Amino acid sequence: ELPLWLLFVGFLLIGMLIAALFAMSKGARNRQVIKNKNEE
């Protein structure tokens, strides 16, 4: 049993965490592509 605003903030933080994970994975792919291009 939690206040509704706390649930909103919690889900907002979970959403931000998921977005950060996606951004990090895309950044890792971009770094790999840059590394490959530098080797080429």
PDB file of all heavy atoms in Angstrom:
ATOM      1  N   GLU A   1       0.879  -1.168   0.000  1.00  0.00           N
ATOM      2  CA  GLU A   1       0.000   0.000   0.000  1.00  0.00           C
ATOM      3  C   GLU A   1       0.915   1.214   0.000  1.00  0.00           C
ATOM      4  O   GLU A   1       1.621   1.472   0.975  1.00  0.00           O
ATOM      5  CB  GLU A   1      -0.896  -0.019   1.241  1.00  0.00           C
ATOM      6  CG  GLU A   1      -1.882   1.087   1.300  1.00  0.00           C
ATOM      7  CD  GLU A   1      -3.276   0.631   0.885  1.00  0.00           C
ATOM      8  OE1 GLU A   1      -3.527  -0.563   0.691  1.00  0.00           O
ATOM      9  OE2 GLU A   1      -4.086   1.518   0.730  1.00  0.00           O
ATOM     10  N   LEU A   2       0.947   1.981  -1.133  1.00  0.00           N
ATOM     11  CA  LEU A   2       1.853   3.124  -1.302  1.00  0.00           C
ATOM     12  C   LEU A   2       1.067   4.317  -1.810  1.00  0.00           C
ATOM     13  O   LEU A   2       0.023   4.162  -2.468  1.00  0.00           O
ATOM     14  CB  LEU A   2       2.938   2.797  -2.314  1.00  0.00           C
ATOM     15  CG  LEU A   2       3.898   1.646  -1.987  1.00  0.00           C
ATOM     16  CD1 LEU A   2       4.727   1.311  -3.192  1.00  0.00           C
ATOM     17  CD2 LEU A   2       4.779   2.012  -0.821  1.00  0.00           C
ATOM     18  N   PRO A   3       1.580   5.528  -1.563  1.00  0.00           N
ATOM     19  CA  PRO A   3       0.934   6.697  -2.159  1.00  0.00           C
ATOM     20  C   PRO A   3       1.078   6.633  -3.700  1.00  0.00           C
ATOM     21  O   PRO A   3       2.070   6.126  -4.224  1.00  0.00           O
ATOM     22  CB  PRO A   3       1.695   7.884  -1.599  1.00  0.00           C
ATOM     23  CG  PRO A   3       2.513   7.369  -0.473  1.00  0.00           C
ATOM     24  CD  PRO A   3       2.649   5.915  -0.646  1.00  0.00           C
ATOM     25  N   LEU A   4       0.112   7.131  -4.376  1.00  0.00           N
ATOM     26  CA  LEU A   4       0.088   7.070  -5.839  1.00  0.00           C
ATOM     27  C   LEU A   4       1.265   7.824  -6.456  1.00  0.00           C
ATOM     28  O   LEU A   4       1.850   7.379  -7.434  1.00  0.00           O
ATOM     29  CB  LEU A   4      -1.250   7.625  -6.348  1.00  0.00           C
ATOM     30  CG  LEU A   4      -1.610   7.350  -7.789  1.00  0.00           C
ATOM     31  CD1 LEU A   4      -1.571   5.871  -8.085  1.00  0.00           C
ATOM     32  CD2 LEU A   4      -2.958   7.926  -8.108  1.00  0.00           C
ATOM     33  N   TRP A   5       1.640   8.947  -5.901  1.00  0.00           N
ATOM     34  CA  TRP A   5       2.766   9.724  -6.437  1.00  0.00           C
ATOM     35  C   TRP A   5       4.070   8.943  -6.336  1.00  0.00           C
ATOM     36  O   TRP A   5       4.925   9.050  -7.199  1.00  0.00           O
ATOM     37  CB  TRP A   5       2.888  11.096  -5.749  1.00  0.00           C
ATOM     38  CG  TRP A   5       3.307  11.037  -4.309  1.00  0.00           C
ATOM     39  CD1 TRP A   5       2.516  10.970  -3.224  1.00  0.00           C
ATOM     40  CD2 TRP A   5       4.657  11.015  -3.836  1.00  0.00           C
ATOM     41  NE1 TRP A   5       3.244  10.914  -2.078  1.00  0.00           N
ATOM     42  CE2 TRP A   5       4.586  10.946  -2.433  1.00  0.00           C
ATOM     43  CE3 TRP A   5       5.899  11.057  -4.418  1.00  0.00           C
ATOM     44  CZ2 TRP A   5       5.709  10.920  -1.625  1.00  0.00           C
ATOM     45  CZ3 TRP A   5       7.017  11.047  -3.612  1.00  0.00           C
ATOM     46  CH2 TRP A   5       6.925  10.960  -2.226  1.00  0.00           C
ATOM     47  N   LEU A   6       4.213   8.143  -5.252  1.00  0.00           N
ATOM     48  CA  LEU A   6       5.419   7.338  -5.095  1.00  0.00           C
ATOM     49  C   LEU A   6       5.473   6.258  -6.184  1.00  0.00           C
ATOM     50  O   LEU A   6       6.545   5.961  -6.724  1.00  0.00           O
ATOM     51  CB  LEU A   6       5.463   6.705  -3.708  1.00  0.00           C
ATOM     52  CG  LEU A   6       6.766   6.026  -3.309  1.00  0.00           C
ATOM     53  CD1 LEU A   6       7.930   6.998  -3.374  1.00  0.00           C
ATOM     54  CD2 LEU A   6       6.653   5.425  -1.933  1.00  0.00           C
ATOM     55  N   LEU A   7       4.325   5.681  -6.526  1.00  0.00           N
ATOM     56  CA  LEU A   7       4.285   4.716  -7.630  1.00  0.00           C
ATOM     57  C   LEU A   7       4.661   5.389  -8.956  1.00  0.00           C
ATOM     58  O   LEU A   7       5.412   4.815  -9.757  1.00  0.00           O
ATOM     59  CB  LEU A   7       2.917   4.075  -7.741  1.00  0.00           C
ATOM     60  CG  LEU A   7       2.546   3.076  -6.644  1.00  0.00           C
ATOM     61  CD1 LEU A   7       1.104   2.629  -6.809  1.00  0.00           C
ATOM     62  CD2 LEU A   7       3.476   1.889  -6.686  1.00  0.00           C
ATOM     63  N   PHE A   8       4.167   6.587  -9.194  1.00  0.00           N
ATOM     64  CA  PHE A   8       4.522   7.313 -10.416  1.00  0.00           C
ATOM     65  C   PHE A   8       6.035   7.571 -10.491  1.00  0.00           C
ATOM     66  O   PHE A   8       6.667   7.328 -11.513  1.00  0.00           O
ATOM     67  CB  PHE A   8       3.782   8.657 -10.492  1.00  0.00           C
ATOM     68  CG  PHE A   8       2.334   8.559 -10.844  1.00  0.00           C
ATOM     69  CD1 PHE A   8       1.449   9.563 -10.438  1.00  0.00           C
ATOM     70  CD2 PHE A   8       1.830   7.515 -11.584  1.00  0.00           C
ATOM     71  CE1 PHE A   8       0.108   9.493 -10.764  1.00  0.00           C
ATOM     72  CE2 PHE A   8       0.482   7.443 -11.908  1.00  0.00           C
ATOM     73  CZ  PHE A   8      -0.383   8.438 -11.496  1.00  0.00           C
ATOM     74  N   VAL A   9       6.607   8.039  -9.397  1.00  0.00           N
ATOM     75  CA  VAL A   9       8.049   8.336  -9.377  1.00  0.00           C
ATOM     76  C   VAL A   9       8.852   7.048  -9.557  1.00  0.00           C
ATOM     77  O   VAL A   9       9.852   7.007 -10.287  1.00  0.00           O
ATOM     78  CB  VAL A   9       8.431   9.055  -8.058  1.00  0.00           C
ATOM     79  CG1 VAL A   9       9.947   9.150  -7.909  1.00  0.00           C
ATOM     80  CG2 VAL A   9       7.813  10.438  -8.007  1.00  0.00           C
ATOM     81  N   GLY A  10       8.405   5.965  -8.895  1.00  0.00           N
ATOM     82  CA  GLY A  10       9.095   4.687  -9.021  1.00  0.00           C
ATOM     83  C   GLY A  10       9.082   4.183 -10.457  1.00  0.00           C
ATOM     84  O   GLY A  10      10.112   3.740 -10.995  1.00  0.00           O
ATOM     85  N   PHE A  11       7.881   4.230 -11.085  1.00  0.00           N
ATOM     86  CA  PHE A  11       7.812   3.788 -12.485  1.00  0.00           C
ATOM     87  C   PHE A  11       8.579   4.726 -13.424  1.00  0.00           C
ATOM     88  O   PHE A  11       9.148   4.281 -14.422  1.00  0.00           O
ATOM     89  CB  PHE A  11       6.351   3.639 -12.923  1.00  0.00           C
ATOM     90  CG  PHE A  11       5.695   2.420 -12.346  1.00  0.00           C
ATOM     91  CD1 PHE A  11       4.507   2.529 -11.630  1.00  0.00           C
ATOM     92  CD2 PHE A  11       6.255   1.170 -12.519  1.00  0.00           C
ATOM     93  CE1 PHE A  11       3.898   1.406 -11.099  1.00  0.00           C
ATOM     94  CE2 PHE A  11       5.658   0.038 -11.989  1.00  0.00           C
ATOM     95  CZ  PHE A  11       4.481   0.162 -11.272  1.00  0.00           C
ATOM     96  N   LEU A  12       8.616   5.997 -13.088  1.00  0.00           N
ATOM     97  CA  LEU A  12       9.420   6.947 -13.876  1.00  0.00           C
ATOM     98  C   LEU A  12      10.902   6.583 -13.791  1.00  0.00           C
ATOM     99  O   LEU A  12      11.597   6.566 -14.804  1.00  0.00           O
ATOM    100  CB  LEU A  12       9.192   8.375 -13.387  1.00  0.00           C
ATOM    101  CG  LEU A  12      10.011   9.458 -14.100  1.00  0.00           C
ATOM    102  CD1 LEU A  12       9.563   9.582 -15.550  1.00  0.00           C
ATOM    103  CD2 LEU A  12       9.881  10.778 -13.389  1.00  0.00           C
ATOM    104  N   LEU A  13      11.358   6.276 -12.583  1.00  0.00           N
ATOM    105  CA  LEU A  13      12.765   5.894 -12.420  1.00  0.00           C
ATOM    106  C   LEU A  13      13.067   4.574 -13.132  1.00  0.00           C
ATOM    107  O   LEU A  13      14.133   4.431 -13.758  1.00  0.00           O
ATOM    108  CB  LEU A  13      13.117   5.790 -10.933  1.00  0.00           C
ATOM    109  CG  LEU A  13      13.132   7.120 -10.176  1.00  0.00           C
ATOM    110  CD1 LEU A  13      13.380   6.863  -8.691  1.00  0.00           C
ATOM    111  CD2 LEU A  13      14.167   8.063 -10.746  1.00  0.00           C
ATOM    112  N   ILE A  14      12.154   3.619 -13.060  1.00  0.00           N
ATOM    113  CA  ILE A  14      12.352   2.355 -13.776  1.00  0.00           C
ATOM    114  C   ILE A  14      12.417   2.605 -15.290  1.00  0.00           C
ATOM    115  O   ILE A  14      13.260   2.040 -15.995  1.00  0.00           O
ATOM    116  CB  ILE A  14      11.242   1.341 -13.413  1.00  0.00           C
ATOM    117  CG1 ILE A  14      11.432   0.887 -11.968  1.00  0.00           C
ATOM    118  CG2 ILE A  14      11.277   0.147 -14.358  1.00  0.00           C
ATOM    119  CD1 ILE A  14      10.283   0.054 -11.441  1.00  0.00           C
ATOM    120  N   GLY A  15      11.563   3.460 -15.798  1.00  0.00           N
ATOM    121  CA  GLY A  15      11.577   3.813 -17.222  1.00  0.00           C
ATOM    122  C   GLY A  15      12.878   4.500 -17.618  1.00  0.00           C
ATOM    123  O   GLY A  15      13.444   4.221 -18.689  1.00  0.00           O
ATOM    124  N   MET A  16      13.356   5.390 -16.740  1.00  0.00           N
ATOM    125  CA  MET A  16      14.625   6.070 -17.027  1.00  0.00           C
ATOM    126  C   MET A  16      15.788   5.065 -17.038  1.00  0.00           C
ATOM    127  O   MET A  16      16.703   5.167 -17.856  1.00  0.00           O
ATOM    128  CB  MET A  16      14.881   7.172 -15.996  1.00  0.00           C
ATOM    129  CG  MET A  16      13.954   8.367 -16.169  1.00  0.00           C
ATOM    130  SD  MET A  16      14.061   9.587 -14.858  1.00  0.00           S
ATOM    131  CE  MET A  16      15.761  10.036 -14.895  1.00  0.00           C
ATOM    132  N   LEU A  17      15.745   4.085 -16.126  1.00  0.00           N
ATOM    133  CA  LEU A  17      16.775   3.063 -16.081  1.00  0.00           C
ATOM    134  C   LEU A  17      16.773   2.222 -17.363  1.00  0.00           C
ATOM    135  O   LEU A  17      17.826   1.942 -17.940  1.00  0.00           O
ATOM    136  CB  LEU A  17      16.574   2.163 -14.855  1.00  0.00           C
ATOM    137  CG  LEU A  17      17.576   1.031 -14.677  1.00  0.00           C
ATOM    138  CD1 LEU A  17      18.960   1.587 -14.414  1.00  0.00           C
ATOM    139  CD2 LEU A  17      17.145   0.116 -13.563  1.00  0.00           C
ATOM    140  N   ILE A  18      15.593   1.838 -17.816  1.00  0.00           N
ATOM    141  CA  ILE A  18      15.483   1.058 -19.063  1.00  0.00           C
ATOM    142  C   ILE A  18      15.996   1.879 -20.256  1.00  0.00           C
ATOM    143  O   ILE A  18      16.740   1.370 -21.099  1.00  0.00           O
ATOM    144  CB  ILE A  18      14.026   0.592 -19.289  1.00  0.00           C
ATOM    145  CG1 ILE A  18      13.650  -0.448 -18.231  1.00  0.00           C
ATOM    146  CG2 ILE A  18      13.844   0.034 -20.696  1.00  0.00           C
ATOM    147  CD1 ILE A  18      12.180  -0.797 -18.210  1.00  0.00           C
ATOM    148  N   ALA A  19      15.619   3.174 -20.304  1.00  0.00           N
ATOM    149  CA  ALA A  19      16.095   4.036 -21.397  1.00  0.00           C
ATOM    150  C   ALA A  19      17.618   4.172 -21.356  1.00  0.00           C
ATOM    151  O   ALA A  19      18.276   4.165 -22.399  1.00  0.00           O
ATOM    152  CB  ALA A  19      15.431   5.399 -21.310  1.00  0.00           C
ATOM    153  N   ALA A  20      18.187   4.287 -20.149  1.00  0.00           N
ATOM    154  CA  ALA A  20      19.647   4.404 -20.024  1.00  0.00           C
ATOM    155  C   ALA A  20      20.331   3.128 -20.507  1.00  0.00           C
ATOM    156  O   ALA A  20      21.389   3.190 -21.159  1.00  0.00           O
ATOM    157  CB  ALA A  20      20.022   4.709 -18.579  1.00  0.00           C
ATOM    158  N   LEU A  21      19.748   1.961 -20.186  1.00  0.00           N
ATOM    159  CA  LEU A  21      20.337   0.701 -20.647  1.00  0.00           C
ATOM    160  C   LEU A  21      20.328   0.599 -22.173  1.00  0.00           C
ATOM    161  O   LEU A  21      21.303   0.156 -22.786  1.00  0.00           O
ATOM    162  CB  LEU A  21      19.610  -0.489 -20.027  1.00  0.00           C
ATOM    163  CG  LEU A  21      19.832  -0.690 -18.521  1.00  0.00           C
ATOM    164  CD1 LEU A  21      18.929  -1.809 -18.003  1.00  0.00           C
ATOM    165  CD2 LEU A  21      21.280  -0.982 -18.220  1.00  0.00           C
ATOM    166  N   PHE A  22      19.194   0.997 -22.772  1.00  0.00           N
ATOM    167  CA  PHE A  22      19.138   0.994 -24.242  1.00  0.00           C
ATOM    168  C   PHE A  22      20.170   1.959 -24.842  1.00  0.00           C
ATOM    169  O   PHE A  22      20.822   1.639 -25.832  1.00  0.00           O
ATOM    170  CB  PHE A  22      17.740   1.367 -24.737  1.00  0.00           C
ATOM    171  CG  PHE A  22      16.765   0.237 -24.711  1.00  0.00           C
ATOM    172  CD1 PHE A  22      15.536   0.387 -24.074  1.00  0.00           C
ATOM    173  CD2 PHE A  22      17.052  -0.974 -25.323  1.00  0.00           C
ATOM    174  CE1 PHE A  22      14.631  -0.653 -24.047  1.00  0.00           C
ATOM    175  CE2 PHE A  22      16.138  -2.014 -25.298  1.00  0.00           C
ATOM    176  CZ  PHE A  22      14.925  -1.852 -24.658  1.00  0.00           C
ATOM    177  N   ALA A  23      20.298   3.128 -24.230  1.00  0.00           N
ATOM    178  CA  ALA A  23      21.260   4.119 -24.736  1.00  0.00           C
ATOM    179  C   ALA A  23      22.687   3.597 -24.612  1.00  0.00           C
ATOM    180  O   ALA A  23      23.516   3.802 -25.513  1.00  0.00           O
ATOM    181  CB  ALA A  23      21.107   5.433 -23.990  1.00  0.00           C
ATOM    182  N   MET A  24      22.975   2.913 -23.501  1.00  0.00           N
ATOM    183  CA  MET A  24      24.326   2.379 -23.328  1.00  0.00           C
ATOM    184  C   MET A  24      24.623   1.285 -24.341  1.00  0.00           C
ATOM    185  O   MET A  24      25.735   1.209 -24.873  1.00  0.00           O
ATOM    186  CB  MET A  24      24.504   1.848 -21.899  1.00  0.00           C
ATOM    187  CG  MET A  24      24.654   2.959 -20.892  1.00  0.00           C
ATOM    188  SD  MET A  24      24.801   2.488 -19.149  1.00  0.00           S
ATOM    189  CE  MET A  24      25.297   0.826 -19.121  1.00  0.00           C
ATOM    190  N   SER A  25      23.640   0.434 -24.617  1.00  0.00           N
ATOM    191  CA  SER A  25      23.884  -0.626 -25.601  1.00  0.00           C
ATOM    192  C   SER A  25      24.077  -0.036 -26.990  1.00  0.00           C
ATOM    193  O   SER A  25      24.937  -0.485 -27.755  1.00  0.00           O
ATOM    194  CB  SER A  25      22.752  -1.651 -25.594  1.00  0.00           C
ATOM    195  OG  SER A  25      21.570  -1.073 -26.124  1.00  0.00           O
ATOM    196  N   LYS A  26      23.302   0.989 -27.328  1.00  0.00           N
ATOM    197  CA  LYS A  26      23.476   1.639 -28.623  1.00  0.00           C
ATOM    198  C   LYS A  26      24.825   2.350 -28.681  1.00  0.00           C
ATOM    199  O   LYS A  26      25.508   2.313 -29.705  1.00  0.00           O
ATOM    200  CB  LYS A  26      22.344   2.626 -28.878  1.00  0.00           C
ATOM    201  CG  LYS A  26      22.396   3.244 -30.248  1.00  0.00           C
ATOM    202  CD  LYS A  26      21.110   3.945 -30.580  1.00  0.00           C
ATOM    203  CE  LYS A  26      21.227   4.664 -31.884  1.00  0.00           C
ATOM    204  NZ  LYS A  26      20.788   3.895 -33.009  1.00  0.00           N
ATOM    205  N   GLY A  27      25.238   2.960 -27.588  1.00  0.00           N
ATOM    206  CA  GLY A  27      26.549   3.616 -27.534  1.00  0.00           C
ATOM    207  C   GLY A  27      27.673   2.614 -27.709  1.00  0.00           C
ATOM    208  O   GLY A  27      28.673   2.891 -28.380  1.00  0.00           O
ATOM    209  N   ALA A  28      27.517   1.432 -27.098  1.00  0.00           N
ATOM    210  CA  ALA A  28      28.541   0.395 -27.240  1.00  0.00           C
ATOM    211  C   ALA A  28      28.636  -0.060 -28.697  1.00  0.00           C
ATOM    212  O   ALA A  28      29.740  -0.265 -29.223  1.00  0.00           O
ATOM    213  CB  ALA A  28      28.227  -0.789 -26.338  1.00  0.00           C
ATOM    214  N   ARG A  29      27.483  -0.211 -29.355  1.00  0.00           N
ATOM    215  CA  ARG A  29      27.503  -0.578 -30.779  1.00  0.00           C
ATOM    216  C   ARG A  29      28.173   0.505 -31.611  1.00  0.00           C
ATOM    217  O   ARG A  29      28.951   0.219 -32.515  1.00  0.00           O
ATOM    218  CB  ARG A  29      26.092  -0.835 -31.294  1.00  0.00           C
ATOM    219  CG  ARG A  29      25.574  -2.215 -30.960  1.00  0.00           C
ATOM    220  CD  ARG A  29      24.235  -2.403 -31.552  1.00  0.00           C
ATOM    221  NE  ARG A  29      23.330  -1.581 -30.719  1.00  0.00           N
ATOM    222  CZ  ARG A  29      22.029  -1.560 -30.799  1.00  0.00           C
ATOM    223  NH1 ARG A  29      21.416  -2.288 -31.692  1.00  0.00           N
ATOM    224  NH2 ARG A  29      21.305  -0.816 -30.010  1.00  0.00           N
ATOM    225  N   ASN A  30      27.853   1.767 -31.286  1.00  0.00           N
ATOM    226  CA  ASN A  30      28.461   2.874 -32.028  1.00  0.00           C
ATOM    227  C   ASN A  30      29.977   2.916 -31.824  1.00  0.00           C
ATOM    228  O   ASN A  30      30.728   3.174 -32.763  1.00  0.00           O
ATOM    229  CB  ASN A  30      27.841   4.206 -31.625  1.00  0.00           C
ATOM    230  CG  ASN A  30      26.432   4.364 -32.151  1.00  0.00           C
ATOM    231  OD1 ASN A  30      26.024   3.673 -33.076  1.00  0.00           O
ATOM    232  ND2 ASN A  30      25.669   5.264 -31.553  1.00  0.00           N
ATOM    233  N   ARG A  31      30.422   2.667 -30.586  1.00  0.00           N
ATOM    234  CA  ARG A  31      31.861   2.636 -30.332  1.00  0.00           C
ATOM    235  C   ARG A  31      32.527   1.509 -31.109  1.00  0.00           C
ATOM    236  O   ARG A  31      33.630   1.669 -31.638  1.00  0.00           O
ATOM    237  CB  ARG A  31      32.124   2.486 -28.834  1.00  0.00           C
ATOM    238  CG  ARG A  31      31.966   3.776 -28.047  1.00  0.00           C
ATOM    239  CD  ARG A  31      32.446   3.626 -26.613  1.00  0.00           C
ATOM    240  NE  ARG A  31      31.637   2.693 -25.845  1.00  0.00           N
ATOM    241  CZ  ARG A  31      30.494   2.976 -25.231  1.00  0.00           C
ATOM    242  NH1 ARG A  31      30.003   4.195 -25.314  1.00  0.00           N
ATOM    243  NH2 ARG A  31      29.840   2.056 -24.551  1.00  0.00           N
ATOM    244  N   GLN A  32      31.859   0.364 -31.206  1.00  0.00           N
ATOM    245  CA  GLN A  32      32.408  -0.755 -31.968  1.00  0.00           C
ATOM    246  C   GLN A  32      32.491  -0.407 -33.453  1.00  0.00           C
ATOM    247  O   GLN A  32      33.479  -0.727 -34.126  1.00  0.00           O
ATOM    248  CB  GLN A  32      31.555  -2.016 -31.768  1.00  0.00           C
ATOM    249  CG  GLN A  32      32.114  -3.251 -32.421  1.00  0.00           C
ATOM    250  CD  GLN A  32      33.458  -3.671 -31.844  1.00  0.00           C
ATOM    251  OE1 GLN A  32      33.694  -3.516 -30.655  1.00  0.00           O
ATOM    252  NE2 GLN A  32      34.333  -4.189 -32.681  1.00  0.00           N
ATOM    253  N   VAL A  33      31.459   0.244 -33.966  1.00  0.00           N
ATOM    254  CA  VAL A  33      31.465   0.654 -35.370  1.00  0.00           C
ATOM    255  C   VAL A  33      32.598   1.650 -35.613  1.00  0.00           C
ATOM    256  O   VAL A  33      33.332   1.554 -36.606  1.00  0.00           O
ATOM    257  CB  VAL A  33      30.095   1.266 -35.764  1.00  0.00           C
ATOM    258  CG1 VAL A  33      30.177   1.987 -37.100  1.00  0.00           C
ATOM    259  CG2 VAL A  33      29.035   0.182 -35.812  1.00  0.00           C
ATOM    260  N   ILE A  34      32.777   2.592 -34.693  1.00  0.00           N
ATOM    261  CA  ILE A  34      33.852   3.578 -34.832  1.00  0.00           C
ATOM    262  C   ILE A  34      35.210   2.882 -34.793  1.00  0.00           C
ATOM    263  O   ILE A  34      36.113   3.201 -35.578  1.00  0.00           O
ATOM    264  CB  ILE A  34      33.743   4.651 -33.733  1.00  0.00           C
ATOM    265  CG1 ILE A  34      32.528   5.550 -34.008  1.00  0.00           C
ATOM    266  CG2 ILE A  34      35.010   5.496 -33.655  1.00  0.00           C
ATOM    267  CD1 ILE A  34      32.208   6.506 -32.888  1.00  0.00           C
ATOM    268  N   LYS A  35      35.361   1.922 -33.900  1.00  0.00           N
ATOM    269  CA  LYS A  35      36.618   1.176 -33.810  1.00  0.00           C
ATOM    270  C   LYS A  35      36.901   0.447 -35.114  1.00  0.00           C
ATOM    271  O   LYS A  35      38.028   0.465 -35.621  1.00  0.00           O
ATOM    272  CB  LYS A  35      36.546   0.184 -32.645  1.00  0.00           C
ATOM    273  CG  LYS A  35      37.807  -0.588 -32.423  1.00  0.00           C
ATOM    274  CD  LYS A  35      37.654  -1.548 -31.250  1.00  0.00           C
ATOM    275  CE  LYS A  35      38.864  -2.428 -31.087  1.00  0.00           C
ATOM    276  NZ  LYS A  35      38.686  -3.408 -30.004  1.00  0.00           N
ATOM    277  N   ASN A  36      35.869  -0.208 -35.675  1.00  0.00           N
ATOM    278  CA  ASN A  36      36.044  -0.924 -36.952  1.00  0.00           C
ATOM    279  C   ASN A  36      36.412   0.031 -38.075  1.00  0.00           C
ATOM    280  O   ASN A  36      37.266  -0.283 -38.912  1.00  0.00           O
ATOM    281  CB  ASN A  36      34.785  -1.702 -37.304  1.00  0.00           C
ATOM    282  CG  ASN A  36      34.531  -2.871 -36.375  1.00  0.00           C
ATOM    283  OD1 ASN A  36      35.430  -3.329 -35.672  1.00  0.00           O
ATOM    284  ND2 ASN A  36      33.301  -3.344 -36.348  1.00  0.00           N
ATOM    285  N   LYS A  37      35.762   1.180 -38.112  1.00  0.00           N
ATOM    286  CA  LYS A  37      36.054   2.165 -39.161  1.00  0.00           C
ATOM    287  C   LYS A  37      37.468   2.703 -39.009  1.00  0.00           C
ATOM    288  O   LYS A  37      38.165   2.923 -40.009  1.00  0.00           O
ATOM    289  CB  LYS A  37      35.039   3.321 -39.130  1.00  0.00           C
ATOM    290  CG  LYS A  37      33.639   2.923 -39.501  1.00  0.00           C
ATOM    291  CD  LYS A  37      33.548   2.447 -40.927  1.00  0.00           C
ATOM    292  CE  LYS A  37      32.142   2.048 -41.272  1.00  0.00           C
ATOM    293  NZ  LYS A  37      32.019   1.526 -42.605  1.00  0.00           N
ATOM    294  N   ASN A  38      37.923   2.905 -37.771  1.00  0.00           N
ATOM    295  CA  ASN A  38      39.296   3.373 -37.557  1.00  0.00           C
ATOM    296  C   ASN A  38      40.305   2.329 -38.023  1.00  0.00           C
ATOM    297  O   ASN A  38      41.337   2.668 -38.603  1.00  0.00           O
ATOM    298  CB  ASN A  38      39.533   3.716 -36.084  1.00  0.00           C
ATOM    299  CG  ASN A  38      38.903   5.037 -35.698  1.00  0.00           C
ATOM    300  OD1 ASN A  38      38.667   5.893 -36.540  1.00  0.00           O
ATOM    301  ND2 ASN A  38      38.636   5.203 -34.421  1.00  0.00           N
ATOM    302  N   GLU A  39      40.006   1.048 -37.779  1.00  0.00           N
ATOM    303  CA  GLU A  39      40.890  -0.014 -38.252  1.00  0.00           C
ATOM    304  C   GLU A  39      40.920  -0.057 -39.781  1.00  0.00           C
ATOM    305  O   GLU A  39      41.983  -0.222 -40.384  1.00  0.00           O
ATOM    306  CB  GLU A  39      40.446  -1.363 -37.699  1.00  0.00           C
ATOM    307  CG  GLU A  39      40.726  -1.540 -36.228  1.00  0.00           C
ATOM    308  CD  GLU A  39      40.205  -2.849 -35.674  1.00  0.00           C
ATOM    309  OE1 GLU A  39      39.709  -3.688 -36.455  1.00  0.00           O
ATOM    310  OE2 GLU A  39      40.283  -3.025 -34.447  1.00  0.00           O
ATOM    311  N   GLU A  40      39.757   0.100 -40.411  1.00  0.00           N
ATOM    312  CA  GLU A  40      39.703   0.137 -41.872  1.00  0.00           C
ATOM    313  C   GLU A  40      40.506   1.318 -42.403  1.00  0.00           C
ATOM    314  O   GLU A  40      41.216   1.199 -43.417  1.00  0.00           O
ATOM    315  CB  GLU A  40      38.261   0.254 -42.355  1.00  0.00           C
ATOM    316  CG  GLU A  40      37.440  -1.007 -42.197  1.00  0.00           C
ATOM    317  CD  GLU A  40      35.998  -0.818 -42.638  1.00  0.00           C
ATOM    318  OE1 GLU A  40      35.710   0.148 -43.372  1.00  0.00           O
ATOM    319  OE2 GLU A  40      35.153  -1.636 -42.238  1.00  0.00           O
TER     320      GLU A  40
END
